[in-house]
Amino acid sequence: MVFVQICVGSSCHLKGSQDIVELLEKAVEENNIADEVVLSGSFCVGKCNRVGVTVQVNDDTHVGITRENFAEFFKKNILDVIESERK
């Protein structure tokens, strides 16, 4: 199981956290991994960045997630993690 927390605090909200939430929901659905991913919102995790949203995947914190780098982030930090857990 992969636990994903998207920061929805005021700083990340202004930088597009709602877009990232929607992209995550859509990507999880398209990849048929809803039973392997838990998505939740989180208030500030204290890792604010000048650009993008902070997302925590399990115990790893990722800063600067944007629409532009979302696909790479999702593959590397969610799909690849799920694949490794299946082995």
PDB file of N, CA and C in Angstrom:
ATOM      1  N   MET A   1       0.851  -1.177   0.000  1.00  0.00           N
ATOM      2  CA  MET A   1       0.000   0.000   0.000  1.00  0.00           C
ATOM      3  C   MET A   1       0.894   1.237   0.000  1.00  0.00           C
ATOM      4  N   VAL A   2       0.549   2.188  -0.844  1.00  0.00           N
ATOM      5  CA  VAL A   2       1.277   3.448  -0.925  1.00  0.00           C
ATOM      6  C   VAL A   2       0.376   4.556  -0.373  1.00  0.00           C
ATOM      7  N   PHE A   3       0.915   5.296   0.590  1.00  0.00           N
ATOM      8  CA  PHE A   3       0.172   6.382   1.224  1.00  0.00           C
ATOM      9  C   PHE A   3       0.673   7.708   0.658  1.00  0.00           C
ATOM     10  N   VAL A   4      -0.234   8.485   0.074  1.00  0.00           N
ATOM     11  CA  VAL A   4       0.130   9.745  -0.569  1.00  0.00           C
ATOM     12  C   VAL A   4      -0.635  10.869   0.116  1.00  0.00           C
ATOM     13  N   GLN A   5       0.114  11.830   0.650  1.00  0.00           N
ATOM     14  CA  GLN A   5      -0.492  12.996   1.279  1.00  0.00           C
ATOM     15  C   GLN A   5      -0.125  14.230   0.473  1.00  0.00           C
ATOM     16  N   ILE A   6      -1.134  14.955   0.031  1.00  0.00           N
ATOM     17  CA  ILE A   6      -0.928  16.171  -0.735  1.00  0.00           C
ATOM     18  C   ILE A   6      -1.140  17.351   0.198  1.00  0.00           C
ATOM     19  N   CYS A   7      -0.148  18.238   0.244  1.00  0.00           N
ATOM     20  CA  CYS A   7      -0.296  19.415   1.085  1.00  0.00           C
ATOM     21  C   CYS A   7      -1.372  20.315   0.491  1.00  0.00           C
ATOM     22  N   VAL A   8      -2.320  20.708   1.332  1.00  0.00           N
ATOM     23  CA  VAL A   8      -3.364  21.635   0.910  1.00  0.00           C
ATOM     24  C   VAL A   8      -3.337  22.885   1.782  1.00  0.00           C
ATOM     25  N   GLY A   9      -2.195  23.098   2.452  1.00  0.00           N
ATOM     26  CA  GLY A   9      -2.015  24.316   3.236  1.00  0.00           C
ATOM     27  C   GLY A   9      -2.054  25.529   2.329  1.00  0.00           C
ATOM     28  N   SER A  10      -2.103  26.707   2.915  1.00  0.00           N
ATOM     29  CA  SER A  10      -2.320  27.918   2.119  1.00  0.00           C
ATOM     30  C   SER A  10      -1.253  28.132   1.045  1.00  0.00           C
ATOM     31  N   SER A  11       0.004  27.881   1.338  1.00  0.00           N
ATOM     32  CA  SER A  11       1.060  28.084   0.343  1.00  0.00           C
ATOM     33  C   SER A  11       0.897  27.126  -0.840  1.00  0.00           C
ATOM     34  N   CYS A  12       0.726  25.847  -0.555  1.00  0.00           N
ATOM     35  CA  CYS A  12       0.559  24.866  -1.634  1.00  0.00           C
ATOM     36  C   CYS A  12      -0.768  25.057  -2.357  1.00  0.00           C
ATOM     37  N   HIS A  13      -1.786  25.478  -1.631  1.00  0.00           N
ATOM     38  CA  HIS A  13      -3.078  25.748  -2.271  1.00  0.00           C
ATOM     39  C   HIS A  13      -2.904  26.812  -3.355  1.00  0.00           C
ATOM     40  N   LEU A  14      -2.170  27.859  -3.029  1.00  0.00           N
ATOM     41  CA  LEU A  14      -1.943  28.932  -3.990  1.00  0.00           C
ATOM     42  C   LEU A  14      -1.078  28.481  -5.160  1.00  0.00           C
ATOM     43  N   LYS A  15      -0.295  27.422  -4.960  1.00  0.00           N
ATOM     44  CA  LYS A  15       0.599  26.921  -6.010  1.00  0.00           C
ATOM     45  C   LYS A  15      -0.006  25.757  -6.791  1.00  0.00           C
ATOM     46  N   GLY A  16      -1.288  25.444  -6.539  1.00  0.00           N
ATOM     47  CA  GLY A  16      -1.971  24.477  -7.382  1.00  0.00           C
ATOM     48  C   GLY A  16      -2.227  23.112  -6.784  1.00  0.00           C
ATOM     49  N   SER A  17      -2.348  23.017  -5.467  1.00  0.00           N
ATOM     50  CA  SER A  17      -2.572  21.694  -4.879  1.00  0.00           C
ATOM     51  C   SER A  17      -3.851  21.034  -5.392  1.00  0.00           C
ATOM     52  N   GLN A  18      -4.880  21.817  -5.694  1.00  0.00           N
ATOM     53  CA  GLN A  18      -6.114  21.231  -6.211  1.00  0.00           C
ATOM     54  C   GLN A  18      -5.860  20.558  -7.558  1.00  0.00           C
ATOM     55  N   ASP A  19      -5.023  21.161  -8.396  1.00  0.00           N
ATOM     56  CA  ASP A  19      -4.663  20.540  -9.677  1.00  0.00           C
ATOM     57  C   ASP A  19      -3.940  19.211  -9.448  1.00  0.00           C
ATOM     58  N   ILE A  20      -3.037  19.180  -8.489  1.00  0.00           N
ATOM     59  CA  ILE A  20      -2.269  17.962  -8.207  1.00  0.00           C
ATOM     60  C   ILE A  20      -3.193  16.876  -7.664  1.00  0.00           C
ATOM     61  N   VAL A  21      -4.130  17.255  -6.809  1.00  0.00           N
ATOM     62  CA  VAL A  21      -5.110  16.296  -6.301  1.00  0.00           C
ATOM     63  C   VAL A  21      -5.877  15.677  -7.466  1.00  0.00           C
ATOM     64  N   GLU A  22      -6.353  16.506  -8.382  1.00  0.00           N
ATOM     65  CA  GLU A  22      -7.123  16.010  -9.531  1.00  0.00           C
ATOM     66  C   GLU A  22      -6.266  15.123 -10.428  1.00  0.00           C
ATOM     67  N   LEU A  23      -5.016  15.507 -10.659  1.00  0.00           N
ATOM     68  CA  LEU A  23      -4.121  14.681 -11.474  1.00  0.00           C
ATOM     69  C   LEU A  23      -3.872  13.326 -10.812  1.00  0.00           C
ATOM     70  N   LEU A  24      -3.675  13.331  -9.502  1.00  0.00           N
ATOM     71  CA  LEU A  24      -3.459  12.069  -8.785  1.00  0.00           C
ATOM     72  C   LEU A  24      -4.688  11.170  -8.863  1.00  0.00           C
ATOM     73  N   GLU A  25      -5.861  11.736  -8.623  1.00  0.00           N
ATOM     74  CA  GLU A  25      -7.088  10.938  -8.691  1.00  0.00           C
ATOM     75  C   GLU A  25      -7.249  10.315 -10.076  1.00  0.00           C
ATOM     76  N   LYS A  26      -7.018  11.111 -11.098  1.00  0.00           N
ATOM     77  CA  LYS A  26      -7.163  10.619 -12.469  1.00  0.00           C
ATOM     78  C   LYS A  26      -6.118   9.544 -12.784  1.00  0.00           C
ATOM     79  N   ALA A  27      -4.869   9.758 -12.392  1.00  0.00           N
ATOM     80  CA  ALA A  27      -3.792   8.801 -12.672  1.00  0.00           C
ATOM     81  C   ALA A  27      -4.016   7.486 -11.932  1.00  0.00           C
ATOM     82  N   VAL A  28      -4.485   7.563 -10.700  1.00  0.00           N
ATOM     83  CA  VAL A  28      -4.773   6.350  -9.935  1.00  0.00           C
ATOM     84  C   VAL A  28      -5.880   5.555 -10.628  1.00  0.00           C
ATOM     85  N   GLU A  29      -6.918   6.250 -11.061  1.00  0.00           N
ATOM     86  CA  GLU A  29      -8.033   5.586 -11.756  1.00  0.00           C
ATOM     87  C   GLU A  29      -7.574   4.976 -13.085  1.00  0.00           C
ATOM     88  N   GLU A  30      -6.849   5.742 -13.879  1.00  0.00           N
ATOM     89  CA  GLU A  30      -6.401   5.268 -15.197  1.00  0.00           C
ATOM     90  C   GLU A  30      -5.473   4.062 -15.105  1.00  0.00           C
ATOM     91  N   ASN A  31      -4.710   3.976 -14.017  1.00  0.00           N
ATOM     92  CA  ASN A  31      -3.760   2.873 -13.840  1.00  0.00           C
ATOM     93  C   ASN A  31      -4.334   1.721 -13.020  1.00  0.00           C
ATOM     94  N   ASN A  32      -5.618   1.824 -12.676  1.00  0.00           N
ATOM     95  CA  ASN A  32      -6.315   0.769 -11.923  1.00  0.00           C
ATOM     96  C   ASN A  32      -5.556   0.360 -10.659  1.00  0.00           C
ATOM     97  N   ILE A  33      -5.140   1.361  -9.872  1.00  0.00           N
ATOM     98  CA  ILE A  33      -4.382   1.074  -8.649  1.00  0.00           C
ATOM     99  C   ILE A  33      -5.070   1.636  -7.407  1.00  0.00           C
ATOM    100  N   ALA A  34      -6.376   1.878  -7.516  1.00  0.00           N
ATOM    101  CA  ALA A  34      -7.108   2.467  -6.393  1.00  0.00           C
ATOM    102  C   ALA A  34      -7.038   1.609  -5.140  1.00  0.00           C
ATOM    103  N   ASP A  35      -6.897   0.297  -5.304  1.00  0.00           N
ATOM    104  CA  ASP A  35      -6.826  -0.579  -4.134  1.00  0.00           C
ATOM    105  C   ASP A  35      -5.411  -0.656  -3.564  1.00  0.00           C
ATOM    106  N   GLU A  36      -4.461   0.063  -4.177  1.00  0.00           N
ATOM    107  CA  GLU A  36      -3.082   0.034  -3.708  1.00  0.00           C
ATOM    108  C   GLU A  36      -2.564   1.407  -3.280  1.00  0.00           C
ATOM    109  N   VAL A  37      -3.412   2.430  -3.393  1.00  0.00           N
ATOM    110  CA  VAL A  37      -3.009   3.802  -3.070  1.00  0.00           C
ATOM    111  C   VAL A  37      -4.050   4.439  -2.163  1.00  0.00           C
ATOM    112  N   VAL A  38      -3.571   5.111  -1.130  1.00  0.00           N
ATOM    113  CA  VAL A  38      -4.445   5.887  -0.257  1.00  0.00           C
ATOM    114  C   VAL A  38      -4.070   7.358  -0.443  1.00  0.00           C
ATOM    115  N   LEU A  39      -5.005   8.145  -0.966  1.00  0.00           N
ATOM    116  CA  LEU A  39      -4.787   9.571  -1.164  1.00  0.00           C
ATOM    117  C   LEU A  39      -5.435  10.342  -0.032  1.00  0.00           C
ATOM    118  N   SER A  40      -4.710  11.320   0.488  1.00  0.00           N
ATOM    119  CA  SER A  40      -5.280  12.169   1.527  1.00  0.00           C
ATOM    120  C   SER A  40      -4.661  13.552   1.449  1.00  0.00           C
ATOM    121  N   GLY A  41      -5.366  14.503   2.023  1.00  0.00           N
ATOM    122  CA  GLY A  41      -4.848  15.853   2.105  1.00  0.00           C
ATOM    123  C   GLY A  41      -4.156  16.053   3.431  1.00  0.00           C
ATOM    124  N   SER A  42      -3.279  17.017   3.474  1.00  0.00           N
ATOM    125  CA  SER A  42      -2.540  17.316   4.690  1.00  0.00           C
ATOM    126  C   SER A  42      -2.308  18.812   4.751  1.00  0.00           C
ATOM    127  N   PHE A  43      -2.371  19.366   5.948  1.00  0.00           N
ATOM    128  CA  PHE A  43      -1.989  20.761   6.065  1.00  0.00           C
ATOM    129  C   PHE A  43      -0.478  20.838   6.096  1.00  0.00           C
ATOM    130  N   CYS A  44       0.070  21.989   6.127  1.00  0.00           N
ATOM    131  CA  CYS A  44       1.493  22.236   5.921  1.00  0.00           C
ATOM    132  C   CYS A  44       2.385  21.184   6.577  1.00  0.00           C
ATOM    133  N   VAL A  45       3.304  20.632   5.767  1.00  0.00           N
ATOM    134  CA  VAL A  45       4.270  19.654   6.268  1.00  0.00           C
ATOM    135  C   VAL A  45       5.623  20.315   6.517  1.00  0.00           C
ATOM    136  N   GLY A  46       5.689  21.646   6.386  1.00  0.00           N
ATOM    137  CA  GLY A  46       6.894  22.390   6.711  1.00  0.00           C
ATOM    138  C   GLY A  46       7.997  22.317   5.674  1.00  0.00           C
ATOM    139  N   LYS A  47       7.664  21.968   4.458  1.00  0.00           N
ATOM    140  CA  LYS A  47       8.667  21.870   3.388  1.00  0.00           C
ATOM    141  C   LYS A  47       8.270  22.752   2.214  1.00  0.00           C
ATOM    142  N   CYS A  48       7.780  23.927   2.493  1.00  0.00           N
ATOM    143  CA  CYS A  48       7.322  24.821   1.433  1.00  0.00           C
ATOM    144  C   CYS A  48       8.447  25.102   0.449  1.00  0.00           C
ATOM    145  N   ASN A  49       8.073  25.251  -0.796  1.00  0.00           N
ATOM    146  CA  ASN A  49       9.012  25.498  -1.876  1.00  0.00           C
ATOM    147  C   ASN A  49       8.508  26.701  -2.662  1.00  0.00           C
ATOM    148  N   ARG A  50       9.380  27.359  -3.370  1.00  0.00           N
ATOM    149  CA  ARG A  50       8.965  28.524  -4.164  1.00  0.00           C
ATOM    150  C   ARG A  50       8.024  28.142  -5.292  1.00  0.00           C
ATOM    151  N   VAL A  51       8.170  26.937  -5.809  1.00  0.00           N
ATOM    152  CA  VAL A  51       7.375  26.485  -6.952  1.00  0.00           C
ATOM    153  C   VAL A  51       6.739  25.151  -6.605  1.00  0.00           C
ATOM    154  N   GLY A  52       5.491  24.972  -6.963  1.00  0.00           N
ATOM    155  CA  GLY A  52       4.849  23.669  -6.851  1.00  0.00           C
ATOM    156  C   GLY A  52       4.368  23.294  -5.464  1.00  0.00           C
ATOM    157  N   VAL A  53       3.888  22.074  -5.409  1.00  0.00           N
ATOM    158  CA  VAL A  53       3.195  21.533  -4.245  1.00  0.00           C
ATOM    159  C   VAL A  53       4.075  20.481  -3.572  1.00  0.00           C
ATOM    160  N   THR A  54       3.929  20.362  -2.259  1.00  0.00           N
ATOM    161  CA  THR A  54       4.637  19.332  -1.511  1.00  0.00           C
ATOM    162  C   THR A  54       3.745  18.102  -1.395  1.00  0.00           C
ATOM    163  N   VAL A  55       4.310  16.938  -1.723  1.00  0.00           N
ATOM    164  CA  VAL A  55       3.577  15.679  -1.659  1.00  0.00           C
ATOM    165  C   VAL A  55       4.435  14.672  -0.905  1.00  0.00           C
ATOM    166  N   GLN A  56       3.822  14.018   0.062  1.00  0.00           N
ATOM    167  CA  GLN A  56       4.527  12.984   0.808  1.00  0.00           C
ATOM    168  C   GLN A  56       4.036  11.620   0.328  1.00  0.00           C
ATOM    169  N   VAL A  57       4.985  10.755  -0.042  1.00  0.00           N
ATOM    170  CA  VAL A  57       4.676   9.395  -0.469  1.00  0.00           C
ATOM    171  C   VAL A  57       5.347   8.471   0.533  1.00  0.00           C
ATOM    172  N   ASN A  58       4.512   7.761   1.289  1.00  0.00           N
ATOM    173  CA  ASN A  58       5.002   6.974   2.422  1.00  0.00           C
ATOM    174  C   ASN A  58       5.842   7.893   3.301  1.00  0.00           C
ATOM    175  N   ASP A  59       7.120   7.625   3.491  1.00  0.00           N
ATOM    176  CA  ASP A  59       7.947   8.465   4.361  1.00  0.00           C
ATOM    177  C   ASP A  59       8.805   9.467   3.606  1.00  0.00           C
ATOM    178  N   ASP A  60       8.630   9.563   2.290  1.00  0.00           N
ATOM    179  CA  ASP A  60       9.447  10.456   1.471  1.00  0.00           C
ATOM    180  C   ASP A  60       8.667  11.718   1.107  1.00  0.00           C
ATOM    181  N   THR A  61       9.299  12.862   1.320  1.00  0.00           N
ATOM    182  CA  THR A  61       8.673  14.141   1.009  1.00  0.00           C
ATOM    183  C   THR A  61       9.248  14.687  -0.288  1.00  0.00           C
ATOM    184  N   HIS A  62       8.362  15.089  -1.194  1.00  0.00           N
ATOM    185  CA  HIS A  62       8.744  15.613  -2.500  1.00  0.00           C
ATOM    186  C   HIS A  62       8.199  17.031  -2.620  1.00  0.00           C
ATOM    187  N   VAL A  63       9.059  17.955  -2.988  1.00  0.00           N
ATOM    188  CA  VAL A  63       8.636  19.351  -3.121  1.00  0.00           C
ATOM    189  C   VAL A  63       8.658  19.758  -4.586  1.00  0.00           C
ATOM    190  N   GLY A  64       7.896  20.789  -4.892  1.00  0.00           N
ATOM    191  CA  GLY A  64       7.915  21.351  -6.242  1.00  0.00           C
ATOM    192  C   GLY A  64       7.164  20.558  -7.281  1.00  0.00           C
ATOM    193  N   ILE A  65       6.131  19.825  -6.869  1.00  0.00           N
ATOM    194  CA  ILE A  65       5.349  19.042  -7.834  1.00  0.00           C
ATOM    195  C   ILE A  65       4.396  19.996  -8.554  1.00  0.00           C
ATOM    196  N   THR A  66       4.474  19.966  -9.897  1.00  0.00           N
ATOM    197  CA  THR A  66       3.654  20.832 -10.737  1.00  0.00           C
ATOM    198  C   THR A  66       2.969  19.990 -11.812  1.00  0.00           C
ATOM    199  N   ARG A  67       2.080  20.607 -12.551  1.00  0.00           N
ATOM    200  CA  ARG A  67       1.446  19.917 -13.687  1.00  0.00           C
ATOM    201  C   ARG A  67       2.515  19.430 -14.665  1.00  0.00           C
ATOM    202  N   GLU A  68       3.545  20.240 -14.843  1.00  0.00           N
ATOM    203  CA  GLU A  68       4.583  19.940 -15.828  1.00  0.00           C
ATOM    204  C   GLU A  68       5.436  18.735 -15.448  1.00  0.00           C
ATOM    205  N   ASN A  69       5.724  18.547 -14.179  1.00  0.00           N
ATOM    206  CA  ASN A  69       6.572  17.413 -13.775  1.00  0.00           C
ATOM    207  C   ASN A  69       5.779  16.284 -13.130  1.00  0.00           C
ATOM    208  N   PHE A  70       4.457  16.395 -13.160  1.00  0.00           N
ATOM    209  CA  PHE A  70       3.619  15.401 -12.492  1.00  0.00           C
ATOM    210  C   PHE A  70       3.811  13.992 -13.039  1.00  0.00           C
ATOM    211  N   ALA A  71       3.810  13.821 -14.347  1.00  0.00           N
ATOM    212  CA  ALA A  71       3.894  12.474 -14.943  1.00  0.00           C
ATOM    213  C   ALA A  71       5.167  11.758 -14.495  1.00  0.00           C
ATOM    214  N   GLU A  72       6.280  12.455 -14.509  1.00  0.00           N
ATOM    215  CA  GLU A  72       7.546  11.863 -14.067  1.00  0.00           C
ATOM    216  C   GLU A  72       7.495  11.517 -12.577  1.00  0.00           C
ATOM    217  N   PHE A  73       6.976  12.454 -11.769  1.00  0.00           N
ATOM    218  CA  PHE A  73       6.830  12.214 -10.338  1.00  0.00           C
ATOM    219  C   PHE A  73       5.964  10.981 -10.086  1.00  0.00           C
ATOM    220  N   PHE A  74       4.818  10.883 -10.752  1.00  0.00           N
ATOM    221  CA  PHE A  74       3.884   9.783 -10.532  1.00  0.00           C
ATOM    222  C   PHE A  74       4.513   8.441 -10.886  1.00  0.00           C
ATOM    223  N   LYS A  75       5.176   8.374 -12.021  1.00  0.00           N
ATOM    224  CA  LYS A  75       5.795   7.112 -12.424  1.00  0.00           C
ATOM    225  C   LYS A  75       6.872   6.688 -11.434  1.00  0.00           C
ATOM    226  N   LYS A  76       7.775   7.589 -11.139  1.00  0.00           N
ATOM    227  CA  LYS A  76       8.929   7.252 -10.285  1.00  0.00           C
ATOM    228  C   LYS A  76       8.535   6.975  -8.837  1.00  0.00           C
ATOM    229  N   ASN A  77       7.629   7.762  -8.295  1.00  0.00           N
ATOM    230  CA  ASN A  77       7.363   7.714  -6.860  1.00  0.00           C
ATOM    231  C   ASN A  77       6.101   6.971  -6.456  1.00  0.00           C
ATOM    232  N   ILE A  78       5.267   6.636  -7.425  1.00  0.00           N
ATOM    233  CA  ILE A  78       4.055   5.880  -7.093  1.00  0.00           C
ATOM    234  C   ILE A  78       4.008   4.583  -7.891  1.00  0.00           C
ATOM    235  N   LEU A  79       3.989   4.665  -9.215  1.00  0.00           N
ATOM    236  CA  LEU A  79       3.916   3.430 -10.010  1.00  0.00           C
ATOM    237  C   LEU A  79       5.105   2.507  -9.749  1.00  0.00           C
ATOM    238  N   ASP A  80       6.319   3.052  -9.743  1.00  0.00           N
ATOM    239  CA  ASP A  80       7.495   2.214  -9.509  1.00  0.00           C
ATOM    240  C   ASP A  80       7.502   1.621  -8.102  1.00  0.00           C
ATOM    241  N   VAL A  81       7.019   2.369  -7.125  1.00  0.00           N
ATOM    242  CA  VAL A  81       6.942   1.867  -5.752  1.00  0.00           C
ATOM    243  C   VAL A  81       5.933   0.726  -5.674  1.00  0.00           C
ATOM    244  N   ILE A  82       4.797   0.877  -6.307  1.00  0.00           N
ATOM    245  CA  ILE A  82       3.780  -0.180  -6.310  1.00  0.00           C
ATOM    246  C   ILE A  82       4.344  -1.409  -6.995  1.00  0.00           C
ATOM    247  N   GLU A  83       4.995  -1.217  -8.122  1.00  0.00           N
ATOM    248  CA  GLU A  83       5.593  -2.357  -8.850  1.00  0.00           C
ATOM    249  C   GLU A  83       6.591  -3.108  -7.973  1.00  0.00           C
ATOM    250  N   SER A  84       7.405  -2.371  -7.236  1.00  0.00           N
ATOM    251  CA  SER A  84       8.398  -3.041  -6.377  1.00  0.00           C
ATOM    252  C   SER A  84       7.718  -3.772  -5.223  1.00  0.00           C
ATOM    253  N   GLU A  85       6.599  -3.253  -4.737  1.00  0.00           N
ATOM    254  CA  GLU A  85       5.870  -3.920  -3.658  1.00  0.00           C
ATOM    255  C   GLU A  85       5.213  -5.218  -4.141  1.00  0.00           C
ATOM    256  N   ARG A  86       4.885  -5.277  -5.402  1.00  0.00           N
ATOM    257  CA  ARG A  86       4.226  -6.473  -5.959  1.00  0.00           C
ATOM    258  C   ARG A  86       5.176  -7.654  -6.079  1.00  0.00           C
ATOM    259  N   LYS A  87       6.465  -7.371  -6.109  1.00  0.00           N
ATOM    260  CA  LYS A  87       7.463  -8.433  -6.310  1.00  0.00           C
ATOM    261  C   LYS A  87       7.726  -9.214  -5.054  1.00  0.00           C
TER     262      LYS A  87
END
